[in-house]
């Protein structure tokens, strides 16, 4: 049995969130398209990802992704500091999104995860 998480998170801009909601899928941000896969973060990696790649930006959203629903399209690969990050080698589709909402932080500055309602 794997110790890898079964849920990961994608940070989207407002227009990217609208694309996912209205089209039912998201092909990736410019960096994703350039790299050939959609970058995700685990819960433990999420705040650092936001701080590093989205600093100063507003109108951001966090999407929770069911990695098991993506099957073989998910690859765990080393990235920042040698940590394993989940990468999707496919479009992100609404059928594997378990929750999403505006990016918010708790009192300690950690990114809050979206809660399905």
N, C-alpha and C. Protein backbone atom coordinates (compact mmCIF):
# COMPACT_ATOMS: atom_id res chain seq x y z
N UNK A 1 0.84 -1.19 0.00
CA UNK A 1 0.00 0.00 0.00
C UNK A 1 0.88 1.25 0.00
N UNK A 2 0.52 2.23 -0.76
CA UNK A 2 1.31 3.45 -0.92
C UNK A 2 1.00 4.44 0.18
N UNK A 3 2.03 5.19 0.58
CA UNK A 3 1.84 6.27 1.54
C UNK A 3 1.56 7.60 0.86
N UNK A 4 1.46 7.58 -0.46
CA UNK A 4 1.22 8.82 -1.20
C UNK A 4 -0.24 9.25 -1.02
N UNK A 5 -0.47 10.57 -0.93
CA UNK A 5 -1.84 11.07 -0.78
C UNK A 5 -2.72 10.71 -1.98
N UNK A 6 -4.01 10.62 -1.74
CA UNK A 6 -4.96 10.33 -2.81
C UNK A 6 -5.67 11.60 -3.28
N UNK A 7 -5.39 12.73 -2.61
CA UNK A 7 -5.94 14.03 -2.99
C UNK A 7 -4.77 15.00 -3.13
N UNK A 8 -4.83 15.81 -4.17
CA UNK A 8 -3.83 16.87 -4.37
C UNK A 8 -4.58 18.13 -4.77
N UNK A 9 -3.84 19.23 -4.90
CA UNK A 9 -4.46 20.53 -5.10
C UNK A 9 -3.83 21.28 -6.25
N UNK A 10 -4.69 21.98 -6.99
CA UNK A 10 -4.26 22.84 -8.09
C UNK A 10 -4.73 24.25 -7.78
N UNK A 11 -3.84 25.22 -7.94
CA UNK A 11 -4.19 26.62 -7.77
C UNK A 11 -4.47 27.19 -9.15
N UNK A 12 -5.64 27.82 -9.29
CA UNK A 12 -6.06 28.40 -10.56
C UNK A 12 -6.35 29.88 -10.39
N UNK A 13 -6.09 30.65 -11.44
CA UNK A 13 -6.51 32.04 -11.48
C UNK A 13 -8.02 32.08 -11.73
N UNK A 14 -8.62 33.23 -11.55
CA UNK A 14 -10.05 33.37 -11.81
C UNK A 14 -10.45 32.92 -13.21
N UNK A 15 -9.78 33.40 -14.27
CA UNK A 15 -10.14 32.95 -15.62
C UNK A 15 -9.93 31.44 -15.82
N UNK A 16 -8.92 30.88 -15.20
CA UNK A 16 -8.70 29.43 -15.32
C UNK A 16 -9.81 28.65 -14.62
N UNK A 17 -10.28 29.17 -13.47
CA UNK A 17 -11.38 28.53 -12.76
C UNK A 17 -12.65 28.56 -13.59
N UNK A 18 -12.89 29.69 -14.23
CA UNK A 18 -14.06 29.81 -15.11
C UNK A 18 -13.96 28.80 -16.25
N UNK A 19 -12.76 28.65 -16.82
CA UNK A 19 -12.56 27.66 -17.89
C UNK A 19 -12.92 26.26 -17.40
N UNK A 20 -12.43 25.89 -16.23
CA UNK A 20 -12.73 24.56 -15.69
C UNK A 20 -14.22 24.38 -15.46
N UNK A 21 -14.87 25.38 -14.87
CA UNK A 21 -16.30 25.29 -14.58
C UNK A 21 -17.15 25.21 -15.85
N UNK A 22 -16.84 26.04 -16.82
CA UNK A 22 -17.70 26.15 -18.00
C UNK A 22 -17.38 25.11 -19.07
N UNK A 23 -16.10 24.79 -19.25
CA UNK A 23 -15.72 23.80 -20.27
C UNK A 23 -15.74 22.39 -19.70
N UNK A 24 -15.67 22.28 -18.38
CA UNK A 24 -15.63 20.96 -17.75
C UNK A 24 -14.24 20.35 -17.73
N UNK A 25 -13.26 21.09 -18.26
CA UNK A 25 -11.88 20.61 -18.22
C UNK A 25 -10.94 21.80 -18.32
N UNK A 26 -9.70 21.54 -17.90
CA UNK A 26 -8.67 22.56 -17.91
C UNK A 26 -7.40 21.92 -18.47
N UNK A 27 -6.87 22.52 -19.52
CA UNK A 27 -5.69 21.96 -20.20
C UNK A 27 -4.39 22.32 -19.51
N UNK A 28 -4.41 23.38 -18.69
CA UNK A 28 -3.22 23.75 -17.95
C UNK A 28 -2.90 25.23 -18.07
N UNK A 29 -2.19 25.71 -17.08
CA UNK A 29 -1.66 27.07 -17.08
C UNK A 29 -0.48 27.12 -18.04
N UNK A 30 0.00 28.30 -18.39
CA UNK A 30 1.14 28.37 -19.31
C UNK A 30 2.33 27.50 -18.89
N UNK A 31 2.65 27.48 -17.61
CA UNK A 31 3.78 26.65 -17.15
C UNK A 31 3.47 25.16 -17.33
N UNK A 32 2.22 24.77 -17.12
CA UNK A 32 1.83 23.37 -17.32
C UNK A 32 1.98 22.98 -18.79
N UNK A 33 1.47 23.84 -19.66
CA UNK A 33 1.54 23.56 -21.09
C UNK A 33 3.00 23.47 -21.56
N UNK A 34 3.85 24.35 -21.02
CA UNK A 34 5.26 24.34 -21.39
C UNK A 34 5.96 23.07 -20.91
N UNK A 35 5.58 22.59 -19.72
CA UNK A 35 6.22 21.41 -19.15
C UNK A 35 5.62 20.10 -19.63
N UNK A 36 4.42 20.15 -20.20
CA UNK A 36 3.79 18.94 -20.72
C UNK A 36 2.95 18.18 -19.71
N UNK A 37 2.67 18.77 -18.57
CA UNK A 37 1.83 18.15 -17.55
C UNK A 37 1.28 19.24 -16.64
N UNK A 38 0.21 18.91 -15.90
CA UNK A 38 -0.38 19.85 -14.96
C UNK A 38 0.24 19.63 -13.59
N UNK A 39 0.79 20.71 -13.05
CA UNK A 39 1.43 20.68 -11.74
C UNK A 39 0.37 20.69 -10.63
N UNK A 40 0.51 19.78 -9.69
CA UNK A 40 -0.33 19.77 -8.49
C UNK A 40 0.58 19.80 -7.28
N UNK A 41 -0.02 20.03 -6.11
CA UNK A 41 0.70 20.01 -4.85
C UNK A 41 -0.08 19.19 -3.84
N UNK A 42 0.64 18.55 -2.93
CA UNK A 42 -0.02 17.89 -1.81
C UNK A 42 -0.43 18.96 -0.81
N UNK A 43 -1.19 18.57 0.19
CA UNK A 43 -1.57 19.50 1.25
C UNK A 43 -0.34 20.11 1.90
N UNK A 44 0.66 19.29 2.18
CA UNK A 44 1.88 19.77 2.83
C UNK A 44 2.68 20.73 1.95
N UNK A 45 2.51 20.66 0.65
CA UNK A 45 3.26 21.50 -0.30
C UNK A 45 2.50 22.74 -0.74
N UNK A 46 1.21 22.79 -0.46
CA UNK A 46 0.33 23.80 -1.05
C UNK A 46 0.71 25.23 -0.68
N UNK A 47 0.91 25.52 0.58
CA UNK A 47 1.21 26.90 0.99
C UNK A 47 2.52 27.37 0.38
N UNK A 48 3.54 26.52 0.38
CA UNK A 48 4.82 26.90 -0.22
C UNK A 48 4.67 27.15 -1.72
N UNK A 49 3.86 26.34 -2.38
CA UNK A 49 3.61 26.53 -3.81
C UNK A 49 2.96 27.89 -4.06
N UNK A 50 1.95 28.23 -3.28
CA UNK A 50 1.27 29.52 -3.44
C UNK A 50 2.25 30.66 -3.17
N UNK A 51 3.02 30.55 -2.10
CA UNK A 51 3.96 31.61 -1.75
C UNK A 51 5.03 31.79 -2.82
N UNK A 52 5.47 30.71 -3.42
CA UNK A 52 6.55 30.76 -4.41
C UNK A 52 6.07 31.19 -5.80
N UNK A 53 4.93 30.64 -6.22
CA UNK A 53 4.51 30.83 -7.61
C UNK A 53 3.34 31.80 -7.81
N UNK A 54 2.67 32.19 -6.73
CA UNK A 54 1.49 33.05 -6.87
C UNK A 54 1.55 34.28 -5.96
N UNK A 55 2.72 34.60 -5.46
CA UNK A 55 2.87 35.74 -4.53
C UNK A 55 2.33 37.03 -5.15
N UNK A 56 1.53 37.73 -4.37
CA UNK A 56 1.00 39.01 -4.80
C UNK A 56 -0.20 38.94 -5.72
N UNK A 57 -0.57 37.74 -6.16
CA UNK A 57 -1.71 37.61 -7.06
C UNK A 57 -3.01 37.53 -6.27
N UNK A 58 -4.06 38.03 -6.87
CA UNK A 58 -5.39 37.94 -6.27
C UNK A 58 -6.29 37.11 -7.18
N UNK A 59 -7.51 36.89 -6.76
CA UNK A 59 -8.49 36.10 -7.52
C UNK A 59 -7.93 34.71 -7.83
N UNK A 60 -7.45 34.05 -6.78
CA UNK A 60 -6.95 32.68 -6.91
C UNK A 60 -7.94 31.70 -6.30
N UNK A 61 -7.92 30.48 -6.81
CA UNK A 61 -8.83 29.43 -6.36
C UNK A 61 -8.04 28.15 -6.14
N UNK A 62 -8.50 27.34 -5.19
CA UNK A 62 -7.87 26.06 -4.90
C UNK A 62 -8.85 24.96 -5.29
N UNK A 63 -8.34 24.00 -6.05
CA UNK A 63 -9.15 22.88 -6.53
C UNK A 63 -8.59 21.60 -5.91
N UNK A 64 -9.45 20.83 -5.25
CA UNK A 64 -9.06 19.52 -4.71
C UNK A 64 -9.30 18.47 -5.79
N UNK A 65 -8.30 17.64 -6.02
CA UNK A 65 -8.33 16.67 -7.12
C UNK A 65 -8.19 15.25 -6.57
N UNK A 66 -9.12 14.38 -6.97
CA UNK A 66 -9.07 12.96 -6.61
C UNK A 66 -8.06 12.27 -7.52
N UNK A 67 -6.88 11.98 -6.99
CA UNK A 67 -5.83 11.38 -7.81
C UNK A 67 -6.18 9.96 -8.25
N UNK A 68 -6.90 9.23 -7.43
CA UNK A 68 -7.27 7.87 -7.81
C UNK A 68 -8.16 7.86 -9.04
N UNK A 69 -8.99 8.90 -9.19
CA UNK A 69 -9.87 9.01 -10.34
C UNK A 69 -9.11 9.26 -11.64
N UNK A 70 -7.87 9.70 -11.52
CA UNK A 70 -7.04 9.97 -12.71
C UNK A 70 -6.21 8.76 -13.13
N UNK A 71 -6.09 7.78 -12.26
CA UNK A 71 -5.37 6.56 -12.59
C UNK A 71 -3.94 6.80 -13.03
N UNK A 72 -3.59 6.19 -14.15
CA UNK A 72 -2.21 6.23 -14.66
C UNK A 72 -1.79 7.59 -15.18
N UNK A 73 -2.72 8.54 -15.29
CA UNK A 73 -2.36 9.89 -15.75
C UNK A 73 -1.55 10.64 -14.70
N UNK A 74 -1.55 10.14 -13.44
CA UNK A 74 -0.80 10.80 -12.36
C UNK A 74 0.58 10.15 -12.24
N UNK A 75 1.59 11.00 -12.24
CA UNK A 75 2.96 10.55 -12.02
C UNK A 75 3.52 11.36 -10.87
N UNK A 76 4.15 10.69 -9.92
CA UNK A 76 4.83 11.35 -8.80
C UNK A 76 6.28 11.54 -9.20
N UNK A 77 6.69 12.81 -9.27
CA UNK A 77 8.03 13.10 -9.77
C UNK A 77 8.73 14.10 -8.85
N UNK A 78 10.05 13.96 -8.69
CA UNK A 78 10.78 14.89 -7.84
C UNK A 78 10.82 16.29 -8.44
N UNK A 79 10.70 17.27 -7.56
CA UNK A 79 10.77 18.66 -7.99
C UNK A 79 11.44 19.44 -6.87
N UNK A 80 10.85 20.54 -6.46
CA UNK A 80 11.42 21.45 -5.47
C UNK A 80 12.04 20.71 -4.28
N UNK A 81 13.36 20.83 -4.15
CA UNK A 81 14.06 20.22 -3.02
C UNK A 81 14.03 18.70 -3.02
N UNK A 82 13.74 18.09 -4.17
CA UNK A 82 13.69 16.64 -4.24
C UNK A 82 12.37 16.05 -3.78
N UNK A 83 11.42 16.88 -3.36
CA UNK A 83 10.11 16.39 -2.94
C UNK A 83 9.37 15.78 -4.13
N UNK A 84 8.58 14.75 -3.86
CA UNK A 84 7.73 14.18 -4.90
C UNK A 84 6.46 15.03 -5.02
N UNK A 85 6.16 15.41 -6.25
CA UNK A 85 4.96 16.18 -6.55
C UNK A 85 4.10 15.38 -7.52
N UNK A 86 2.77 15.46 -7.37
CA UNK A 86 1.89 14.81 -8.33
C UNK A 86 1.75 15.67 -9.60
N UNK A 87 1.94 15.05 -10.73
CA UNK A 87 1.79 15.70 -12.03
C UNK A 87 0.74 14.92 -12.83
N UNK A 88 -0.14 15.65 -13.51
CA UNK A 88 -1.17 15.02 -14.33
C UNK A 88 -0.76 15.12 -15.79
N UNK A 89 -0.66 13.97 -16.44
CA UNK A 89 -0.37 13.92 -17.87
C UNK A 89 -1.68 13.72 -18.63
N UNK A 90 -2.60 14.64 -18.43
CA UNK A 90 -3.92 14.66 -19.06
C UNK A 90 -4.57 15.99 -18.68
N UNK A 91 -5.73 16.26 -19.22
CA UNK A 91 -6.48 17.44 -18.81
C UNK A 91 -7.05 17.22 -17.41
N UNK A 92 -7.23 18.29 -16.67
CA UNK A 92 -7.93 18.24 -15.39
C UNK A 92 -9.41 18.39 -15.69
N UNK A 93 -10.19 17.39 -15.34
CA UNK A 93 -11.62 17.41 -15.65
C UNK A 93 -12.44 17.50 -14.36
N UNK A 94 -13.62 18.09 -14.48
CA UNK A 94 -14.49 18.29 -13.32
C UNK A 94 -14.87 16.99 -12.62
N UNK A 95 -14.90 15.89 -13.33
CA UNK A 95 -15.32 14.63 -12.71
C UNK A 95 -14.34 14.13 -11.64
N UNK A 96 -13.11 14.65 -11.61
CA UNK A 96 -12.15 14.26 -10.56
C UNK A 96 -11.94 15.38 -9.54
N UNK A 97 -12.68 16.47 -9.67
CA UNK A 97 -12.62 17.57 -8.71
C UNK A 97 -13.61 17.27 -7.59
N UNK A 98 -13.09 17.22 -6.36
CA UNK A 98 -13.96 16.90 -5.22
C UNK A 98 -14.45 18.15 -4.49
N UNK A 99 -13.74 19.26 -4.64
CA UNK A 99 -14.13 20.53 -4.02
C UNK A 99 -13.29 21.64 -4.64
N UNK A 100 -13.82 22.86 -4.59
CA UNK A 100 -13.03 24.02 -5.00
C UNK A 100 -13.60 25.27 -4.37
N UNK A 101 -12.75 26.28 -4.25
CA UNK A 101 -13.19 27.53 -3.67
C UNK A 101 -12.09 28.56 -3.72
N UNK A 102 -12.43 29.80 -3.38
CA UNK A 102 -11.45 30.87 -3.38
C UNK A 102 -10.29 30.55 -2.42
N UNK A 103 -9.10 30.95 -2.80
CA UNK A 103 -7.95 30.74 -1.94
C UNK A 103 -8.07 31.63 -0.72
N UNK A 104 -7.93 31.01 0.44
CA UNK A 104 -7.99 31.73 1.70
C UNK A 104 -6.89 31.16 2.61
N UNK A 105 -6.54 31.90 3.62
CA UNK A 105 -5.49 31.45 4.56
C UNK A 105 -6.05 31.46 5.99
N UNK A 106 -5.49 30.57 6.80
CA UNK A 106 -5.88 30.53 8.21
C UNK A 106 -5.06 31.56 9.01
N UNK A 107 -5.25 31.59 10.30
CA UNK A 107 -4.57 32.58 11.16
C UNK A 107 -3.05 32.42 11.13
N UNK A 108 -2.56 31.22 10.83
CA UNK A 108 -1.12 30.98 10.76
C UNK A 108 -0.55 31.22 9.37
N UNK A 109 -1.40 31.62 8.41
CA UNK A 109 -0.96 31.91 7.07
C UNK A 109 -0.95 30.72 6.13
N UNK A 110 -1.42 29.57 6.61
CA UNK A 110 -1.48 28.38 5.76
C UNK A 110 -2.69 28.48 4.83
N UNK A 111 -2.52 27.99 3.61
CA UNK A 111 -3.64 27.99 2.66
C UNK A 111 -4.70 27.00 3.15
N UNK A 112 -5.95 27.44 3.17
CA UNK A 112 -7.06 26.58 3.56
C UNK A 112 -7.48 25.74 2.37
N UNK A 113 -7.82 24.50 2.64
CA UNK A 113 -8.29 23.63 1.55
C UNK A 113 -9.79 23.83 1.38
N UNK A 114 -10.28 23.67 0.17
CA UNK A 114 -11.72 23.83 -0.06
C UNK A 114 -12.48 22.66 0.55
N UNK A 115 -13.71 22.95 0.97
CA UNK A 115 -14.56 21.93 1.57
C UNK A 115 -15.76 21.71 0.66
N UNK A 116 -16.03 20.43 0.35
CA UNK A 116 -17.20 20.10 -0.47
C UNK A 116 -18.45 20.31 0.37
N UNK A 117 -19.49 20.82 -0.27
CA UNK A 117 -20.70 21.12 0.50
C UNK A 117 -21.87 20.33 0.17
